[in-house]
Protein backbone atom coordinates (compact mmCIF):
# COMPACT_ATOMS: atom_id res chain seq x y z
CA MET A 1 -2.85 1.95 9.69
CA SER A 2 -2.36 4.66 12.26
CA THR A 3 -5.03 7.16 13.35
CA ASP A 4 -2.25 9.69 13.95
CA GLN A 5 -3.54 13.10 12.87
CA SER A 6 -0.11 14.68 12.43
CA PRO A 7 0.42 16.35 9.04
CA ALA A 8 1.70 13.31 7.15
CA PRO A 9 0.74 13.22 3.46
CA PHE A 10 0.22 9.45 3.30
CA SER A 11 -0.90 6.46 5.38
CA GLN A 12 -0.01 2.87 4.51
CA PHE A 13 -1.02 -0.70 5.36
CA PRO A 14 1.61 -2.89 7.06
CA GLY A 15 0.82 -6.02 5.04
CA LEU A 16 0.81 -4.35 1.65
CA GLY A 17 3.91 -2.47 2.71
CA GLN A 18 5.77 -5.77 3.01
CA GLN A 19 5.22 -6.59 -0.67
CA ALA A 20 8.55 -5.65 -2.26
CA SER A 21 7.13 -5.01 -5.72
CA ILE A 22 4.13 -2.97 -4.57
CA THR A 23 3.88 0.76 -3.90
CA HIS A 24 0.69 1.92 -2.21
CA ALA A 25 -0.65 4.74 -0.07
CA VAL A 26 -3.78 6.45 1.16
CA THR A 27 -3.41 10.21 0.89
CA THR A 28 -4.52 12.37 3.81
CA ARG A 29 -5.91 15.88 4.15
CA PHE A 30 -2.28 16.96 4.42
CA GLY A 31 -1.26 15.35 1.15
CA PRO A 32 -2.13 15.97 -2.51
CA ALA A 33 -5.62 17.51 -2.80
CA PHE A 34 -7.71 15.49 -5.25
CA GLY A 35 -10.72 17.09 -6.92
CA LYS A 36 -14.36 16.36 -6.22
CA ILE A 37 -15.38 15.00 -9.62
CA GLY A 38 -12.29 13.41 -11.15
CA THR A 39 -12.50 15.35 -14.40
CA ASP A 40 -11.11 18.53 -12.86
CA GLN A 41 -7.59 19.91 -12.99
CA ALA A 42 -7.21 19.45 -9.23
CA THR A 43 -7.38 15.67 -9.64
CA ALA A 44 -4.89 15.69 -12.52
CA ASP A 45 -2.47 17.81 -10.51
CA ALA A 46 -2.85 15.67 -7.37
CA ALA A 47 -2.41 12.47 -9.39
CA ALA A 48 0.83 13.76 -10.88
CA LEU A 49 2.13 14.93 -7.50
CA THR A 50 1.25 11.62 -5.84
CA ALA A 51 3.20 9.69 -8.47
CA GLU A 52 6.17 12.02 -8.05
CA LEU A 53 6.17 11.72 -4.25
CA LEU A 54 5.96 7.92 -4.45
CA SER A 55 8.66 7.67 -7.15
CA MET A 56 6.29 6.31 -9.78
CA ASP A 57 5.93 7.30 -13.45
CA GLY A 58 2.30 8.43 -13.35
CA THR A 59 -1.22 7.79 -12.08
CA ALA A 60 -4.39 6.55 -13.78
CA TRP A 61 -7.83 7.37 -12.40
CA VAL A 62 -11.47 7.42 -13.47
CA HIS A 63 -14.58 9.59 -13.34
CA GLN A 64 -16.37 7.64 -10.61
CA VAL A 65 -20.06 6.98 -11.24
CA HIS A 66 -21.04 4.56 -8.43
CA GLY A 67 -21.31 1.58 -10.74
CA ASP A 68 -19.49 -1.72 -11.25
CA THR A 69 -17.35 -1.03 -14.34
CA ILE A 70 -13.67 -1.94 -13.99
CA LEU A 71 -11.15 -0.83 -16.63
CA ARG A 72 -7.76 -2.30 -17.44
CA VAL A 73 -5.19 0.46 -17.92
CA SER A 74 -1.56 0.78 -19.00
CA ALA A 75 -1.11 4.56 -19.16
CA SER A 76 -1.56 7.52 -16.83
CA GLY A 77 -4.42 9.98 -17.00
CA ILE A 78 -8.19 9.72 -16.72
CA ALA A 79 -9.32 6.40 -18.18
CA GLY A 80 -13.06 7.06 -18.50
CA GLN A 81 -16.20 6.50 -16.45
CA ALA A 82 -15.81 3.57 -14.07
CA ASP A 83 -15.30 2.68 -10.42
CA GLY A 84 -12.41 0.25 -10.63
CA LEU A 85 -9.03 -0.17 -12.32
CA ILE A 86 -6.59 -3.05 -12.83
CA THR A 87 -3.07 -3.00 -14.23
CA ASP A 88 0.13 -4.95 -14.63
CA THR A 89 2.15 -1.98 -15.90
CA PRO A 90 5.21 -1.24 -13.74
CA GLY A 91 5.58 2.38 -12.68
CA LEU A 92 1.85 3.15 -12.96
CA LEU A 93 -0.26 4.01 -9.93
CA ILE A 94 -4.01 3.44 -10.10
CA ALA A 95 -6.22 5.57 -7.87
CA GLY A 96 -9.67 5.70 -6.32
CA ARG A 97 -10.94 8.93 -4.72
CA SER A 98 -13.08 9.15 -1.58
CA ALA A 99 -14.69 11.29 1.06
CA ASP A 100 -16.41 8.41 2.96
CA CYS A 101 -16.66 5.54 0.43
CA PRO A 102 -14.34 2.56 0.95
CA ILE A 103 -11.41 2.40 -1.45
CA ILE A 104 -10.31 -1.21 -1.91
CA LEU A 105 -6.69 -1.98 -2.82
CA VAL A 106 -5.67 -5.45 -4.01
CA ALA A 107 -2.30 -6.86 -5.07
CA GLY A 108 -1.30 -10.33 -6.24
CA GLN A 109 1.26 -12.32 -8.15
CA ARG A 110 1.18 -14.58 -11.18
CA ALA A 111 2.87 -17.96 -11.30
CA ASP A 112 5.91 -16.35 -12.96
CA GLY A 113 6.33 -13.95 -10.03
CA SER A 114 5.11 -10.81 -11.83
CA SER A 115 2.64 -8.60 -10.01
CA VAL A 116 -0.86 -7.31 -10.73
CA VAL A 117 -2.88 -4.72 -8.83
CA GLY A 118 -6.41 -3.38 -8.63
CA VAL A 119 -8.40 -0.60 -6.98
CA ALA A 120 -12.14 -0.15 -6.47
CA HIS A 121 -14.30 2.75 -5.31
CA ALA A 122 -16.78 0.73 -3.23
CA SER A 123 -19.55 3.23 -2.55
CA TRP A 124 -22.73 1.65 -1.24
CA ARG A 125 -24.12 1.51 -4.77
CA SER A 126 -20.93 -0.10 -6.09
CA THR A 127 -20.78 -2.43 -3.10
CA VAL A 128 -24.28 -3.80 -3.73
CA GLN A 129 -23.23 -4.31 -7.36
CA SER A 130 -20.37 -6.50 -6.07
CA ILE A 131 -17.57 -4.35 -7.45
CA THR A 132 -15.03 -5.79 -4.99
CA THR A 133 -15.91 -9.36 -5.95
CA GLN A 134 -15.56 -8.44 -9.61
CA LEU A 135 -12.23 -6.70 -8.98
CA VAL A 136 -10.71 -9.85 -7.48
CA GLN A 137 -12.26 -12.04 -10.17
CA ARG A 138 -10.70 -9.88 -12.88
CA LEU A 139 -7.28 -10.07 -11.22
CA VAL A 140 -7.52 -13.86 -10.96
CA GLY A 141 -9.27 -14.65 -14.24
CA GLU A 142 -8.01 -12.03 -16.69
CA MET A 143 -4.71 -11.11 -15.04
CA GLU A 144 -3.88 -14.66 -13.86
CA ALA A 145 -3.11 -13.78 -10.24
CA SER A 146 -2.75 -16.73 -7.89
CA PRO A 147 -5.46 -16.50 -5.15
CA PRO A 148 -3.09 -17.46 -2.30
CA SER A 149 -0.88 -14.50 -3.24
CA LEU A 150 -3.64 -11.90 -3.02
CA HIS A 151 -3.54 -9.12 -0.44
CA GLY A 152 -6.50 -6.78 0.04
CA ALA A 153 -6.94 -3.59 2.04
CA ILE A 154 -9.89 -1.37 2.95
CA ALA A 155 -8.97 2.30 3.28
CA PRO A 156 -10.45 4.72 5.83
CA SER A 157 -14.15 5.19 5.13
CA ALA A 158 -17.56 5.51 6.75
CA GLY A 159 -17.64 2.88 9.48
CA PRO A 160 -20.32 0.74 11.13
CA CYS A 161 -20.34 3.19 14.02
CA CYS A 162 -21.79 5.99 11.90
CA TYR A 163 -22.97 5.04 8.42
CA GLU A 164 -26.77 5.29 8.50
CA VAL A 165 -28.94 4.55 5.47
CA GLY A 166 -32.64 4.23 4.74
CA ALA A 167 -34.65 1.06 4.29
CA ALA A 168 -34.48 1.37 0.50
CA VAL A 169 -30.70 0.87 0.58
CA ARG A 170 -31.05 -2.29 2.67
CA ASP A 171 -33.78 -3.60 0.38
CA GLU A 172 -31.61 -3.03 -2.70
CA ALA A 173 -28.62 -4.71 -1.06
CA ILE A 174 -30.66 -7.81 -0.18
CA GLU A 175 -32.17 -7.90 -3.68
CA LYS A 176 -28.77 -7.74 -5.39
CA LEU A 177 -26.51 -9.58 -2.94
CA GLY A 178 -28.99 -12.10 -1.58
CA PRO A 179 -29.84 -13.03 2.03
CA VAL A 180 -26.20 -12.69 3.14
CA ALA A 181 -26.64 -8.92 2.89
CA GLN A 182 -28.83 -8.96 5.99
CA GLU A 183 -25.66 -9.60 8.01
CA PHE A 184 -24.28 -6.21 6.96
CA PHE A 185 -27.15 -4.18 8.45
CA SER A 186 -28.25 -3.42 11.98
CA PRO A 187 -31.28 -1.34 13.02
CA HIS A 188 -30.73 2.17 14.35
CA ASN A 189 -33.86 4.08 15.33
CA ASP A 190 -35.99 4.16 12.17
CA ARG A 191 -32.96 3.69 9.89
CA TRP A 192 -30.20 1.13 9.36
CA ILE A 193 -26.46 1.01 9.91
CA PHE A 194 -24.76 -0.36 6.79
CA ASP A 195 -21.40 -2.02 7.59
CA LEU A 196 -19.55 -1.40 4.34
CA TRP A 197 -16.38 -2.80 5.92
CA ALA A 198 -18.03 -6.16 6.57
CA ALA A 199 -19.65 -6.23 3.12
CA ASN A 200 -16.38 -5.61 1.32
CA THR A 201 -14.40 -7.94 3.59
CA PHE A 202 -16.92 -10.64 2.69
CA GLN A 203 -16.53 -9.92 -1.02
CA LEU A 204 -12.73 -10.00 -0.83
CA GLN A 205 -12.71 -13.33 0.97
CA GLU A 206 -15.54 -14.87 -1.05
CA ALA A 207 -13.61 -14.04 -4.25
CA GLY A 208 -10.46 -15.73 -2.98
CA VAL A 209 -8.36 -13.33 -0.90
CA PRO A 210 -7.12 -15.29 2.16
CA ALA A 211 -8.70 -13.97 5.36
CA SER A 212 -5.29 -13.46 6.95
CA GLN A 213 -4.33 -11.20 4.02
CA VAL A 214 -7.23 -8.76 4.28
CA GLU A 215 -6.39 -5.52 6.08
CA ASN A 216 -8.92 -2.99 7.29
CA SER A 217 -7.78 0.41 8.51
CA ARG A 218 -10.86 0.52 10.80
CA ILE A 219 -10.71 4.31 10.66
CA CYS A 220 -14.16 5.86 10.29
CA THR A 221 -13.93 9.02 8.25
CA ILE A 222 -17.09 10.39 9.88
CA CYS A 223 -16.08 10.22 13.54
CA GLN A 224 -12.29 9.63 13.33
CA GLY A 225 -11.66 11.62 10.20
CA GLY A 226 -9.22 14.26 11.36
CA ALA A 227 -6.73 13.09 8.74
CA PHE A 228 -9.30 12.17 6.08
CA TRP A 229 -12.12 13.99 4.31
CA SER A 230 -15.76 13.11 5.05
CA TRP A 231 -18.71 14.29 2.98
CA ARG A 232 -21.12 13.23 5.74
CA ASP A 233 -19.23 15.26 8.33
CA GLN A 234 -18.06 18.27 6.32
CA GLY A 235 -20.59 18.47 3.50
CA GLU A 236 -19.65 20.57 0.48
CA GLU A 237 -16.46 21.69 2.21
CA ALA A 238 -15.06 18.16 2.03
CA GLY A 239 -12.19 17.54 -0.34
CA ARG A 240 -11.19 14.12 -1.61
CA PHE A 241 -8.38 11.80 -0.56
CA ALA A 242 -7.22 8.84 -2.63
CA GLY A 243 -6.15 5.23 -2.27
CA VAL A 244 -3.40 4.39 -4.77
CA ILE A 245 -1.52 1.22 -5.64
CA GLY A 246 0.99 0.23 -8.29
CA ILE A 247 3.86 -2.04 -9.25
CA ASN A 248 7.11 -0.26 -8.55
CA LEU A 249 10.13 -0.29 -10.84
CA THR A 250 12.65 -1.46 -8.26
CA GLY A 251 11.08 -4.63 -6.86
CA CYS A 252 9.00 -5.85 -9.79
CA LYS A 253 9.56 -8.80 -12.05
CA VAL A 254 8.44 -8.03 -15.59
CA ALA A 255 6.00 -10.58 -16.95
CA GLN A 256 6.34 -12.35 -20.27
CA SER A 257 4.31 -10.56 -22.95
CA ARG A 258 0.66 -11.61 -22.95
């Protein structure tokens, strides 16, 4: 993913872009302007515009609450309160909004060649609740994706160069994720740097995504965020960008009814 700050409405991941049945993008500050809370008209308008620009039928999204709930959807519009979505419906984009939090995109295939996709809003609270692990587990267990087929991507977000948190965040991460969580923190003055990229990479791989098929934009929205919104950098002036993924209508194979 390029750090080019020219006024392009979308950025994309090379690996996901090679999947013929998958349409994906990360919107930029120059693309559709998503709302701050998900229940506003700005988000509905941006979701519709994003689908139109990417030649998809519609977009589903959620009111994000920094939890671990993942909803299965088959229609566009706001699906409820959650922080993750999965679908196997061709023509439908699913979206996660951000202004620093990692948005995780995952795509995979079933044994019959049909595709499934998922998205997660992996804020620090959702990350320590293992939302990315659960996203992959739902795609494999419920949606029957083959683990070797899985591709995962971490959108631009607060990076390990800049994302400082207090000791309480580290303590909660270790309590919920176990001793491995210590590897995701490094001391910085009297606070801690939380490497959300490493934490979510670990969850993707631990859940079954091959390491060679995990992409990380490695763009920090705080210090490299010219093309992406950052709440930590811009405060209340920050808008929201979105990571979206779906099964397109031209390259997909329709699954047998399930």
